[in-house]
Amino acid sequence: MPYVNIKITREGATPDQKAELISGVTRLLQNVLGKNPQTTVVVIDEVDTDNWGIGGETVTVRRKRGQ
């Protein structure tokens, strides 16, 4: 049973976009590795930009600077 965890920043991914990610990843595992889509689990975690750090600072701070 494949388990895929996608982490994205919480910035307004729509339900349709998330559904497309789930179906796309499921198809990819089926096509590339021959995995059964009925037993493939995909979880999307949305993380606030204050809780996501790059290079010692939050994404919120980096985005305010335009990075």
C-alpha atoms as a PDB file:
ATOM      1  CA  MET A   1       0.000   0.000   0.000  1.00  0.00           C
ATOM      2  CA  PRO A   2       1.815   3.159  -1.148  1.00  0.00           C
ATOM      3  CA  TYR A   3       1.538   6.180   1.118  1.00  0.00           C
ATOM      4  CA  VAL A   4       2.393   9.618  -0.277  1.00  0.00           C
ATOM      5  CA  ASN A   5       2.513  12.740   1.889  1.00  0.00           C
ATOM      6  CA  ILE A   6       2.446  16.069   0.040  1.00  0.00           C
ATOM      7  CA  LYS A   7       3.285  19.163   2.056  1.00  0.00           C
ATOM      8  CA  ILE A   8       2.361  22.572   0.671  1.00  0.00           C
ATOM      9  CA  THR A   9       2.108  26.010   2.193  1.00  0.00           C
ATOM     10  CA  ARG A  10      -1.382  27.064   3.183  1.00  0.00           C
ATOM     11  CA  GLU A  11      -1.975  29.645   0.475  1.00  0.00           C
ATOM     12  CA  GLY A  12      -5.262  28.828  -1.102  1.00  0.00           C
ATOM     13  CA  ALA A  13      -4.915  25.574  -3.017  1.00  0.00           C
ATOM     14  CA  THR A  14      -8.476  24.885  -4.106  1.00  0.00           C
ATOM     15  CA  PRO A  15     -10.313  21.612  -3.469  1.00  0.00           C
ATOM     16  CA  ASP A  16     -10.166  20.960  -7.231  1.00  0.00           C
ATOM     17  CA  GLN A  17      -6.381  21.448  -7.276  1.00  0.00           C
ATOM     18  CA  LYS A  18      -5.956  19.096  -4.333  1.00  0.00           C
ATOM     19  CA  ALA A  19      -8.168  16.489  -6.002  1.00  0.00           C
ATOM     20  CA  GLU A  20      -6.021  16.779  -9.138  1.00  0.00           C
ATOM     21  CA  LEU A  21      -2.854  16.249  -7.079  1.00  0.00           C
ATOM     22  CA  ILE A  22      -4.343  13.161  -5.440  1.00  0.00           C
ATOM     23  CA  SER A  23      -5.510  11.606  -8.702  1.00  0.00           C
ATOM     24  CA  GLY A  24      -2.299  12.545 -10.523  1.00  0.00           C
ATOM     25  CA  VAL A  25      -0.006  11.025  -7.898  1.00  0.00           C
ATOM     26  CA  THR A  26      -2.164   7.912  -7.767  1.00  0.00           C
ATOM     27  CA  ARG A  27      -1.967   7.518 -11.570  1.00  0.00           C
ATOM     28  CA  LEU A  28       1.792   8.126 -11.522  1.00  0.00           C
ATOM     29  CA  LEU A  29       2.348   5.337  -8.993  1.00  0.00           C
ATOM     30  CA  GLN A  30       0.149   3.030 -11.049  1.00  0.00           C
ATOM     31  CA  ASN A  31       1.885   3.853 -14.353  1.00  0.00           C
ATOM     32  CA  VAL A  32       5.486   3.877 -13.132  1.00  0.00           C
ATOM     33  CA  LEU A  33       5.504   1.264 -10.378  1.00  0.00           C
ATOM     34  CA  GLY A  34       2.406  -0.798 -11.184  1.00  0.00           C
ATOM     35  CA  LYS A  35       0.802   0.053  -7.826  1.00  0.00           C
ATOM     36  CA  ASN A  36      -2.869  -0.624  -7.233  1.00  0.00           C
ATOM     37  CA  PRO A  37      -4.738   2.714  -7.148  1.00  0.00           C
ATOM     38  CA  GLN A  38      -7.334   1.198  -4.781  1.00  0.00           C
ATOM     39  CA  THR A  39      -4.701   0.813  -2.067  1.00  0.00           C
ATOM     40  CA  THR A  40      -2.757   4.036  -2.693  1.00  0.00           C
ATOM     41  CA  VAL A  41      -3.054   6.639   0.052  1.00  0.00           C
ATOM     42  CA  VAL A  42      -2.288  10.319  -0.638  1.00  0.00           C
ATOM     43  CA  VAL A  43      -2.339  12.889   2.159  1.00  0.00           C
ATOM     44  CA  ILE A  44      -1.967  16.640   1.636  1.00  0.00           C
ATOM     45  CA  ASP A  45      -0.735  18.657   4.605  1.00  0.00           C
ATOM     46  CA  GLU A  46      -1.092  22.414   4.401  1.00  0.00           C
ATOM     47  CA  VAL A  47       1.439  24.294   6.524  1.00  0.00           C
ATOM     48  CA  ASP A  48       1.216  27.958   7.507  1.00  0.00           C
ATOM     49  CA  THR A  49       4.112  29.958   6.066  1.00  0.00           C
ATOM     50  CA  ASP A  50       5.056  30.960   9.649  1.00  0.00           C
ATOM     51  CA  ASN A  51       5.691  27.259  10.313  1.00  0.00           C
ATOM     52  CA  TRP A  52       7.832  26.589   7.229  1.00  0.00           C
ATOM     53  CA  GLY A  53      11.473  27.621   7.358  1.00  0.00           C
ATOM     54  CA  ILE A  54      14.152  27.958   4.703  1.00  0.00           C
ATOM     55  CA  GLY A  55      17.683  29.137   5.392  1.00  0.00           C
ATOM     56  CA  GLY A  56      16.963  29.917   9.033  1.00  0.00           C
ATOM     57  CA  GLU A  57      13.879  32.056   8.525  1.00  0.00           C
ATOM     58  CA  THR A  58      10.193  31.583   7.876  1.00  0.00           C
ATOM     59  CA  VAL A  59       8.661  31.608   4.434  1.00  0.00           C
ATOM     60  CA  THR A  60       6.505  34.535   5.614  1.00  0.00           C
ATOM     61  CA  VAL A  61       9.604  36.683   6.215  1.00  0.00           C
ATOM     62  CA  ARG A  62      11.258  35.608   2.945  1.00  0.00           C
ATOM     63  CA  ARG A  63       8.142  36.415   0.936  1.00  0.00           C
ATOM     64  CA  LYS A  64       7.875  39.852   2.523  1.00  0.00           C
ATOM     65  CA  ARG A  65      11.396  40.509   1.201  1.00  0.00           C
ATOM     66  CA  GLY A  66      10.435  39.173  -2.212  1.00  0.00           C
ATOM     67  CA  GLN A  67      12.370  35.913  -2.100  1.00  0.00           C
END
